[in-house]
Amino acid sequence: MNITEIPPITDPLGRYWEQPDRDNILIDDQHALMTREDFKQLHNYSASIPSGVYVGKMWKRKFRDKWYLSWYGPHDDPDRCSINHREIIWT
C-alpha cells in the first residue's frame, strides 16, 4: 500500500494528542514537506514508537542523521495500523 496522505484522527483518544495540522504537510512517495514550526510540534520518538495506536497519529524520529515523519495509517486488518515514514524536508 502506497500512502501519500496522512489520514485524519477519528479515534476519541486523538483529542489528547497534540500534532500539527495534517493539511500543512505535503507527502509524496519519499518525502514530507513541512515548516520548521510544524516540525517543532511533532513529538520525538527516535528510540521508540508511541503507544495509543490509532490512524492519523504523527510523530518524528531521527535515524542516521536524518529526520523522518512517521504516522499510523490504515491496515488491511481493521484491528491493526500500518506505520508509515517519510524523510522530512523543510520549506
Protein backbone atom coordinates (compact mmCIF):
# COMPACT_ATOMS: atom_id res chain seq x y z
CA MET A 1 0.00 0.00 0.00
CA ASN A 2 1.44 3.36 -1.04
CA ILE A 3 0.21 6.07 1.32
CA THR A 4 0.64 9.67 0.16
CA GLU A 5 -1.85 11.24 2.54
CA ILE A 6 -1.98 11.39 6.31
CA PRO A 7 -5.47 10.30 7.37
CA PRO A 8 -7.47 12.30 9.91
CA ILE A 9 -7.57 11.15 13.52
CA THR A 10 -11.03 9.77 14.25
CA ASP A 11 -10.28 7.80 17.42
CA PRO A 12 -11.54 9.54 20.59
CA LEU A 13 -8.06 9.22 22.13
CA GLY A 14 -6.78 11.56 19.42
CA ARG A 15 -8.26 14.59 21.14
CA TYR A 16 -5.45 14.34 23.71
CA TRP A 17 -2.60 14.08 21.17
CA GLU A 18 -1.04 17.35 20.01
CA GLN A 19 0.35 17.47 16.49
CA PRO A 20 0.45 19.89 13.54
CA ASP A 21 -2.47 20.13 11.14
CA ARG A 22 -2.09 17.30 8.62
CA ASP A 23 -3.16 19.68 5.84
CA ASN A 24 0.05 21.69 6.45
CA ILE A 25 2.25 18.71 5.46
CA LEU A 26 2.76 17.65 1.85
CA ILE A 27 3.55 13.95 1.35
CA ASP A 28 4.94 12.12 -1.67
CA ASP A 29 6.45 8.63 -2.02
CA GLN A 30 9.71 9.64 -0.30
CA HIS A 31 9.37 12.98 1.49
CA ALA A 32 7.27 15.03 3.86
CA LEU A 33 7.47 18.78 3.25
CA MET A 34 6.68 20.95 6.27
CA THR A 35 7.62 24.17 8.01
CA ARG A 36 10.01 24.19 10.96
CA GLU A 37 7.12 25.31 13.17
CA ASP A 38 5.15 22.18 12.26
CA PHE A 39 8.29 20.09 12.80
CA LYS A 40 8.64 21.53 16.33
CA GLN A 41 5.06 20.48 17.14
CA LEU A 42 5.78 16.79 16.48
CA HIS A 43 6.64 14.56 19.44
CA ASN A 44 10.09 12.94 19.17
CA TYR A 45 10.15 9.14 19.26
CA SER A 46 13.63 8.45 17.91
CA ALA A 47 14.22 5.49 20.23
CA SER A 48 10.70 4.01 20.39
CA ILE A 49 7.21 4.31 18.92
CA PRO A 50 4.29 5.97 20.66
CA SER A 51 1.64 3.95 22.45
CA GLY A 52 -2.02 4.75 21.91
CA VAL A 53 -2.11 3.34 18.38
CA TYR A 54 -4.72 4.93 16.11
CA VAL A 55 -4.90 6.07 12.50
CA GLY A 56 -3.62 9.59 11.84
CA LYS A 57 -1.29 9.89 14.84
CA MET A 58 2.01 11.53 13.75
CA TRP A 59 5.46 11.82 15.32
CA LYS A 60 9.07 12.45 14.27
CA ARG A 61 12.16 10.30 14.62
CA LYS A 62 15.82 10.75 13.83
CA PHE A 63 17.67 7.93 12.09
CA ARG A 64 21.23 8.18 10.71
CA ASP A 65 21.33 12.00 10.87
CA LYS A 66 18.01 12.42 9.03
CA TRP A 67 14.60 13.30 10.40
CA TYR A 68 11.53 11.30 9.44
CA LEU A 69 7.83 11.91 9.80
CA SER A 70 6.04 8.78 10.97
CA TRP A 71 2.33 8.15 11.30
CA TYR A 72 -0.14 5.37 11.89
CA GLY A 73 -2.22 4.60 8.82
CA PRO A 74 -4.95 2.17 7.83
CA HIS A 75 -4.18 -1.55 7.58
CA ASP A 76 -5.91 -4.44 5.80
CA ASP A 77 -6.63 -5.92 9.23
CA PRO A 78 -9.06 -3.48 10.93
CA ASP A 79 -7.56 -4.32 14.34
CA ARG A 80 -4.10 -3.06 13.29
CA CYS A 81 -2.43 0.09 11.92
CA SER A 82 0.38 0.47 9.44
CA ILE A 83 3.42 2.58 10.33
CA ASN A 84 4.46 4.96 7.55
CA HIS A 85 7.63 7.04 7.24
CA ARG A 86 8.87 9.86 5.01
CA GLU A 87 12.09 11.86 5.18
CA ILE A 88 11.38 15.40 6.33
CA ILE A 89 12.34 18.40 4.24
CA TRP A 90 11.57 21.98 5.31
CA THR A 91 10.07 24.91 3.45
